[in-house]
């Protein structure tokens, strides 16, 4: 095993942490903007294997990241299940809502997703051929709770209020949605692995709005089921989970789910995460993405702080959240150089 990401995921402490960046293929890069314009719109880019592979490769060519993550979107899965999906310029995604049993009954089941998602698997196959041999290919999906919040509200919301309301008012329907998404996510990620993904990551962007028993039932438990089933189908597959803004919920998440790595956001300090999360295995994170905008000595200092805090255990350097469109590509270069300066 020579790929540094895979070594860290296997529990090895490396002298220089491997590095990649959430949303590393994105609007902050001029070459991405050019390719997206060529595709016509965001969804057309996602479903064009050649162009989706091209934007996935762009940050690898520019920065030499240790991993590439498939270019796609977490809402392609509900679309494949039968939900209507479109994007409003400047406002983000819109979905047909699932708030009644009748609407739920119109959804498909997990095995039907592949007809819609075959272009995504073709993107993975292209990347597995074209990536440098030292670069790890990461597949991904949204976690059931996070995807459900969009399906129930029909859009992103600041507090996931519609999903919480449905959970309170019709728990049986809410749990059917979670179960359907869990089943479909397993099939989706499994197909990505069969196409060539070497690692998979589960993004639970809104996990932090779940509390107490709800966090256990709707963030932790689906992650456990997905992780265990994927590992049963694909022995040795590394799994990264990201229950963003979980706070104390990060503690024990490795052991409870069986995941190989827990990604942490920047609402917790790297020192806290090293003490309470890294003790159980590899961690990924957690530089604040705002540093990619502001740059300067603060970026260098905070990058060094993260590297130092996690230096006694397995660590994959990353941001605490995705890079934003207003980031400066030169600040990304500075971050990469700072991480690798000891190499």
Protein backbone atom coordinates (compact mmCIF):
# COMPACT_ATOMS: atom_id res chain seq x y z
CA UNK A 1 0.00 0.00 0.00
CA UNK A 2 1.74 3.16 -1.20
CA UNK A 3 -1.05 5.74 -1.55
CA UNK A 4 -0.77 8.07 1.41
CA UNK A 5 -4.53 8.51 1.88
CA UNK A 6 -4.99 4.74 2.10
CA UNK A 7 -2.10 4.47 4.56
CA UNK A 8 -3.66 7.11 6.82
CA UNK A 9 -7.06 5.42 6.58
CA UNK A 10 -5.41 2.16 7.60
CA UNK A 11 -4.26 3.87 10.81
CA UNK A 12 -0.70 4.86 9.91
CA UNK A 13 0.75 8.07 11.34
CA UNK A 14 2.66 9.75 8.52
CA UNK A 15 5.38 12.42 8.86
CA UNK A 16 3.46 14.64 6.41
CA UNK A 17 -0.32 14.25 6.30
CA UNK A 18 -1.93 13.56 2.92
CA UNK A 19 -4.12 16.41 1.73
CA UNK A 20 -7.22 17.03 -0.33
CA UNK A 21 -9.95 19.62 -0.06
CA UNK A 22 -13.73 19.45 0.00
CA UNK A 23 -15.22 21.06 -3.14
CA UNK A 24 -11.72 21.22 -4.58
CA UNK A 25 -13.32 21.10 -8.05
CA UNK A 26 -15.34 24.29 -7.96
CA UNK A 27 -16.08 27.86 -8.90
CA UNK A 28 -12.94 29.35 -7.33
CA UNK A 29 -10.97 27.85 -10.25
CA UNK A 30 -11.12 29.62 -13.62
CA UNK A 31 -10.70 26.32 -15.46
CA UNK A 32 -13.77 24.95 -13.66
CA UNK A 33 -15.84 27.96 -14.64
CA UNK A 34 -14.82 27.49 -18.26
CA UNK A 35 -15.78 23.82 -18.26
CA UNK A 36 -19.10 24.50 -16.53
CA UNK A 37 -19.90 27.11 -19.19
CA UNK A 38 -19.11 24.49 -21.82
CA UNK A 39 -21.54 22.06 -20.15
CA UNK A 40 -24.32 24.65 -20.09
CA UNK A 41 -25.53 24.22 -16.50
CA UNK A 42 -24.63 22.44 -13.29
CA UNK A 43 -26.72 19.30 -13.76
CA UNK A 44 -25.54 18.90 -17.34
CA UNK A 45 -21.98 19.02 -16.01
CA UNK A 46 -22.73 16.35 -13.39
CA UNK A 47 -24.23 14.01 -15.99
CA UNK A 48 -21.53 14.50 -18.66
CA UNK A 49 -18.86 11.90 -17.75
CA UNK A 50 -16.08 13.46 -19.82
CA UNK A 51 -16.63 16.97 -18.47
CA UNK A 52 -17.26 15.79 -14.89
CA UNK A 53 -14.01 13.84 -15.04
CA UNK A 54 -12.24 16.91 -16.43
CA UNK A 55 -13.29 19.17 -13.54
CA UNK A 56 -12.36 16.41 -11.06
CA UNK A 57 -8.87 16.28 -12.58
CA UNK A 58 -8.32 20.05 -12.71
CA UNK A 59 -7.33 20.56 -9.03
CA UNK A 60 -5.13 17.45 -9.20
CA UNK A 61 -3.18 18.95 -12.10
CA UNK A 62 -2.95 22.34 -10.39
CA UNK A 63 -2.09 21.30 -6.83
CA UNK A 64 -1.17 17.62 -6.82
CA UNK A 65 -3.67 16.72 -4.09
CA UNK A 66 -3.32 13.21 -2.72
CA UNK A 67 -6.97 12.42 -3.50
CA UNK A 68 -9.56 13.32 -6.08
CA UNK A 69 -13.21 13.26 -5.12
CA UNK A 70 -15.80 12.42 -7.74
CA UNK A 71 -17.56 15.52 -9.10
CA UNK A 72 -21.29 15.02 -8.52
CA UNK A 73 -23.98 16.30 -6.15
CA UNK A 74 -25.71 14.71 -3.15
CA UNK A 75 -29.14 15.44 -4.69
CA UNK A 76 -28.59 13.24 -7.74
CA UNK A 77 -29.71 10.29 -5.61
CA UNK A 78 -33.23 11.61 -4.81
CA UNK A 79 -33.53 12.55 -8.48
CA UNK A 80 -32.68 8.95 -9.37
CA UNK A 81 -35.40 7.81 -6.96
CA UNK A 82 -37.95 9.88 -8.88
CA UNK A 83 -37.88 13.34 -7.29
CA UNK A 84 -37.83 16.36 -9.59
CA UNK A 85 -34.57 18.30 -9.26
CA UNK A 86 -33.57 21.66 -10.71
CA UNK A 87 -31.22 24.47 -9.78
CA UNK A 88 -32.14 28.14 -9.51
CA UNK A 89 -29.23 30.42 -10.41
CA UNK A 90 -27.95 32.22 -7.33
CA UNK A 91 -30.32 30.35 -5.01
CA UNK A 92 -29.37 26.69 -5.22
CA UNK A 93 -31.27 23.42 -5.63
CA UNK A 94 -35.01 22.85 -5.71
CA UNK A 95 -36.74 19.49 -5.30
CA UNK A 96 -40.29 18.23 -5.49
CA UNK A 97 -41.29 17.65 -1.85
CA UNK A 98 -42.03 14.43 0.01
CA UNK A 99 -44.39 15.33 2.86
CA UNK A 100 -47.14 12.72 2.52
CA UNK A 101 -47.43 8.96 2.17
CA UNK A 102 -48.82 9.41 -1.33
CA UNK A 103 -45.74 11.40 -2.39
CA UNK A 104 -43.47 8.83 -0.79
CA UNK A 105 -45.23 5.98 -2.60
CA UNK A 106 -44.31 7.57 -5.92
CA UNK A 107 -40.61 7.20 -5.13
CA UNK A 108 -38.72 4.30 -6.61
CA UNK A 109 -36.61 1.77 -4.75
CA UNK A 110 -32.86 1.49 -4.50
CA UNK A 111 -32.27 -0.85 -7.41
CA UNK A 112 -33.93 1.52 -9.91
CA UNK A 113 -31.40 4.31 -9.36
CA UNK A 114 -28.73 2.97 -11.67
CA UNK A 115 -30.41 3.90 -14.97
CA UNK A 116 -30.23 7.57 -13.97
CA UNK A 117 -26.83 7.35 -12.27
CA UNK A 118 -24.93 5.35 -14.89
CA UNK A 119 -23.22 8.56 -16.17
CA UNK A 120 -21.82 9.05 -12.64
CA UNK A 121 -20.37 5.55 -12.66
CA UNK A 122 -18.84 6.24 -16.08
CA UNK A 123 -17.16 9.34 -14.62
CA UNK A 124 -15.64 7.10 -11.94
CA UNK A 125 -14.39 4.68 -14.58
CA UNK A 126 -12.75 7.49 -16.55
CA UNK A 127 -11.08 8.84 -13.41
CA UNK A 128 -9.80 5.43 -12.36
CA UNK A 129 -7.97 5.29 -15.70
CA UNK A 130 -6.76 8.89 -15.89
CA UNK A 131 -5.76 9.83 -12.36
CA UNK A 132 -2.05 9.69 -11.48
CA UNK A 133 -1.22 6.34 -9.93
CA UNK A 134 -0.40 7.94 -6.57
CA UNK A 135 -3.79 9.71 -6.33
CA UNK A 136 -6.65 8.08 -4.44
CA UNK A 137 -10.15 8.24 -5.93
CA UNK A 138 -12.91 9.03 -3.43
CA UNK A 139 -16.59 8.38 -4.16
CA UNK A 140 -19.31 9.95 -2.05
CA UNK A 141 -22.95 10.36 -1.20
CA UNK A 142 -25.04 12.50 1.09
CA UNK A 143 -26.12 10.90 4.36
CA UNK A 144 -29.82 9.99 4.66
CA UNK A 145 -30.71 12.72 7.17
CA UNK A 146 -29.12 15.50 5.13
CA UNK A 147 -30.63 14.33 1.85
CA UNK A 148 -34.01 13.91 3.56
CA UNK A 149 -33.96 17.53 4.74
CA UNK A 150 -33.83 18.69 1.10
CA UNK A 151 -36.47 16.19 -0.03
CA UNK A 152 -38.91 17.23 2.68
CA UNK A 153 -38.40 20.99 2.36
CA UNK A 154 -37.83 21.04 -1.40
CA UNK A 155 -34.75 23.20 -0.85
CA UNK A 156 -32.00 23.98 1.63
CA UNK A 157 -33.20 25.63 4.84
CA UNK A 158 -31.20 27.34 7.60
CA UNK A 159 -32.54 25.16 10.42
CA UNK A 160 -33.87 22.06 8.62
CA UNK A 161 -37.21 23.03 10.15
CA UNK A 162 -39.51 21.20 7.70
CA UNK A 163 -37.69 17.90 8.28
CA UNK A 164 -37.82 18.34 12.05
CA UNK A 165 -41.53 19.15 11.78
CA UNK A 166 -42.30 16.02 9.73
CA UNK A 167 -40.24 13.96 12.17
CA UNK A 168 -42.43 15.26 15.00
CA UNK A 169 -45.78 15.05 13.18
CA UNK A 170 -45.46 11.83 11.15
CA UNK A 171 -42.57 9.80 12.51
CA UNK A 172 -43.55 6.71 10.51
CA UNK A 173 -43.31 8.55 7.18
CA UNK A 174 -40.10 10.27 8.20
CA UNK A 175 -38.50 6.95 9.07
CA UNK A 176 -39.65 5.43 5.78
CA UNK A 177 -37.81 8.23 3.98
CA UNK A 178 -34.65 7.63 6.03
CA UNK A 179 -34.84 3.86 5.41
CA UNK A 180 -35.37 4.28 1.66
CA UNK A 181 -32.43 6.66 1.43
CA UNK A 182 -30.23 4.34 3.49
CA UNK A 183 -30.98 1.44 1.15
CA UNK A 184 -30.41 3.53 -1.97
CA UNK A 185 -27.20 5.08 -0.62
CA UNK A 186 -25.70 1.63 -0.08
CA UNK A 187 -26.51 0.67 -3.68
CA UNK A 188 -25.20 3.97 -5.04
CA UNK A 189 -21.89 3.86 -3.19
CA UNK A 190 -21.45 0.17 -3.94
CA UNK A 191 -21.81 0.91 -7.66
CA UNK A 192 -19.20 3.67 -7.34
CA UNK A 193 -16.79 1.18 -5.77
CA UNK A 194 -17.46 -1.35 -8.52
CA UNK A 195 -16.65 1.39 -11.06
CA UNK A 196 -13.31 2.15 -9.39
CA UNK A 197 -13.73 4.31 -6.27
CA UNK A 198 -11.11 3.31 -3.69
CA UNK A 199 -12.65 5.13 -0.71
CA UNK A 200 -16.15 6.42 -0.05
CA UNK A 201 -17.25 9.36 2.04
CA UNK A 202 -20.64 10.00 3.60
CA UNK A 203 -21.51 13.71 3.94
CA UNK A 204 -23.99 14.50 6.73
CA UNK A 205 -23.87 18.26 6.36
CA UNK A 206 -26.82 18.90 8.69
CA UNK A 207 -26.03 16.31 11.38
CA UNK A 208 -25.47 19.11 13.87
CA UNK A 209 -29.18 20.00 13.95
CA UNK A 210 -30.01 16.57 15.40
CA UNK A 211 -29.85 16.24 19.18
CA UNK A 212 -29.78 13.41 21.69
CA UNK A 213 -31.60 10.26 20.64
CA UNK A 214 -32.44 11.78 17.24
CA UNK A 215 -28.70 12.14 16.50
CA UNK A 216 -28.19 8.48 17.36
CA UNK A 217 -31.17 7.25 15.34
CA UNK A 218 -30.88 9.44 12.25
CA UNK A 219 -27.18 10.36 11.94
CA UNK A 220 -25.19 7.65 13.67
CA UNK A 221 -27.34 4.60 12.94
CA UNK A 222 -27.70 5.14 9.17
CA UNK A 223 -23.95 5.75 8.97
CA UNK A 224 -23.38 2.47 10.80
CA UNK A 225 -25.73 0.51 8.54
CA UNK A 226 -24.24 2.00 5.36
CA UNK A 227 -20.65 1.47 6.52
CA UNK A 228 -21.20 -2.11 7.64
CA UNK A 229 -23.07 -3.15 4.50
CA UNK A 230 -20.48 -1.57 2.20
CA UNK A 231 -17.68 -3.32 4.06
CA UNK A 232 -19.57 -6.61 3.79
CA UNK A 233 -19.91 -6.16 0.03
CA UNK A 234 -16.40 -4.77 -0.46
CA UNK A 235 -14.01 -6.16 2.19
CA UNK A 236 -11.24 -3.71 3.02
CA UNK A 237 -13.10 -0.66 1.67
CA UNK A 238 -12.17 2.47 3.69
CA UNK A 239 -15.10 4.66 4.71
CA UNK A 240 -14.95 8.32 5.80
CA UNK A 241 -17.94 9.80 7.63
CA UNK A 242 -18.60 13.51 8.16
CA UNK A 243 -21.33 14.32 10.71
CA UNK A 244 -20.74 18.07 10.40
CA UNK A 245 -21.15 20.19 13.54
CA UNK A 246 -21.72 17.08 15.64
CA UNK A 247 -19.78 18.58 18.55
CA UNK A 248 -19.71 16.01 21.35
CA UNK A 249 -21.36 13.62 18.91
CA UNK A 250 -17.98 13.18 17.21
CA UNK A 251 -16.76 11.33 20.30
CA UNK A 252 -17.02 7.59 19.73
CA UNK A 253 -18.34 7.96 16.17
CA UNK A 254 -15.57 5.72 14.77
CA UNK A 255 -16.40 2.86 17.08
CA UNK A 256 -20.16 3.23 16.85
CA UNK A 257 -20.23 3.19 13.04
CA UNK A 258 -17.17 1.15 12.09
CA UNK A 259 -15.89 3.99 9.91
CA UNK A 260 -12.17 4.22 9.22
CA UNK A 261 -12.06 8.01 9.45
CA UNK A 262 -14.19 10.74 11.01
CA UNK A 263 -13.99 14.15 9.33
CA UNK A 264 -14.39 17.08 11.71
CA UNK A 265 -15.52 20.63 10.95
CA UNK A 266 -13.90 23.81 12.25
CA UNK A 267 -16.45 24.41 15.02
CA UNK A 268 -14.18 22.19 17.16
CA UNK A 269 -10.49 22.87 17.69
CA UNK A 270 -7.92 20.47 16.28
CA UNK A 271 -6.52 20.01 19.77
CA UNK A 272 -9.92 18.91 21.09
CA UNK A 273 -10.45 16.60 18.13
CA UNK A 274 -7.02 15.05 18.58
CA UNK A 275 -7.77 14.32 22.23
CA UNK A 276 -11.36 13.09 21.85
CA UNK A 277 -11.74 11.78 18.28
CA UNK A 278 -8.33 10.85 16.88
CA UNK A 279 -7.79 8.48 19.79
CA UNK A 280 -10.15 6.10 17.96
CA UNK A 281 -8.63 6.34 14.48
CA UNK A 282 -7.92 8.55 11.50
CA UNK A 283 -9.36 12.06 11.48
CA UNK A 284 -9.81 14.42 8.56
CA UNK A 285 -9.81 18.18 8.83
CA UNK A 286 -10.15 20.87 9.85
CA UNK A 287 -8.81 24.25 8.67
CA UNK A 288 -11.52 26.94 8.43
CA UNK A 289 -12.37 27.49 4.77
CA UNK A 290 -12.37 31.26 5.35
CA UNK A 291 -8.56 31.12 5.27
CA UNK A 292 -8.79 30.26 1.56
CA UNK A 293 -10.28 33.73 1.10
CA UNK A 294 -8.15 35.80 3.47
CA UNK A 295 -4.78 34.02 3.12
CA UNK A 296 -1.67 35.61 4.61
CA UNK A 297 0.26 34.64 7.71
CA UNK A 298 -2.94 33.60 9.53
CA UNK A 299 -3.44 30.89 6.90
CA UNK A 300 0.12 29.65 7.38
CA UNK A 301 -0.14 29.72 11.18
CA UNK A 302 -3.48 27.92 11.33
CA UNK A 303 -2.38 25.30 8.79
CA UNK A 304 0.69 24.56 10.92
CA UNK A 305 -1.49 24.44 14.02
CA UNK A 306 -3.78 21.80 12.49
CA UNK A 307 -0.84 19.70 11.29
CA UNK A 308 0.84 19.88 14.70
CA UNK A 309 -2.32 19.10 16.66
CA UNK A 310 -2.95 15.91 14.70
CA UNK A 311 0.70 14.89 14.27
CA UNK A 312 0.62 12.06 16.82
CA UNK A 313 -1.96 9.97 14.96
CA UNK A 314 -3.41 9.20 11.54
CA UNK A 315 -4.58 12.40 9.85
CA UNK A 316 -5.81 13.56 6.44
CA UNK A 317 -5.45 17.31 6.09
CA UNK A 318 -8.58 19.02 4.80
CA UNK A 319 -10.80 22.01 5.39
CA UNK A 320 -13.53 22.00 8.02
CA UNK A 321 -16.07 22.65 5.25
CA UNK A 322 -16.02 23.02 1.48
CA UNK A 323 -13.98 25.77 -0.17
CA UNK A 324 -16.10 28.75 -1.16
CA UNK A 325 -16.38 30.34 -4.63
CA UNK A 326 -14.66 33.54 -3.47
CA UNK A 327 -11.46 31.72 -2.46
CA UNK A 328 -8.15 32.71 -4.03
CA UNK A 329 -6.42 29.82 -5.84
CA UNK A 330 -3.08 31.19 -4.65
CA UNK A 331 -4.17 30.71 -1.03
CA UNK A 332 -4.85 27.06 -1.79
CA UNK A 333 -1.30 26.80 -3.15
CA UNK A 334 0.03 28.41 0.02
CA UNK A 335 -1.90 25.95 2.18
CA UNK A 336 -0.64 22.93 0.21
CA UNK A 337 2.96 24.17 0.34
CA UNK A 338 2.68 24.81 4.09
CA UNK A 339 1.37 21.30 4.79
CA UNK A 340 4.16 19.76 2.74
CA UNK A 341 7.00 22.00 3.82
CA UNK A 342 8.38 19.29 6.11
CA UNK A 343 8.26 16.61 3.43
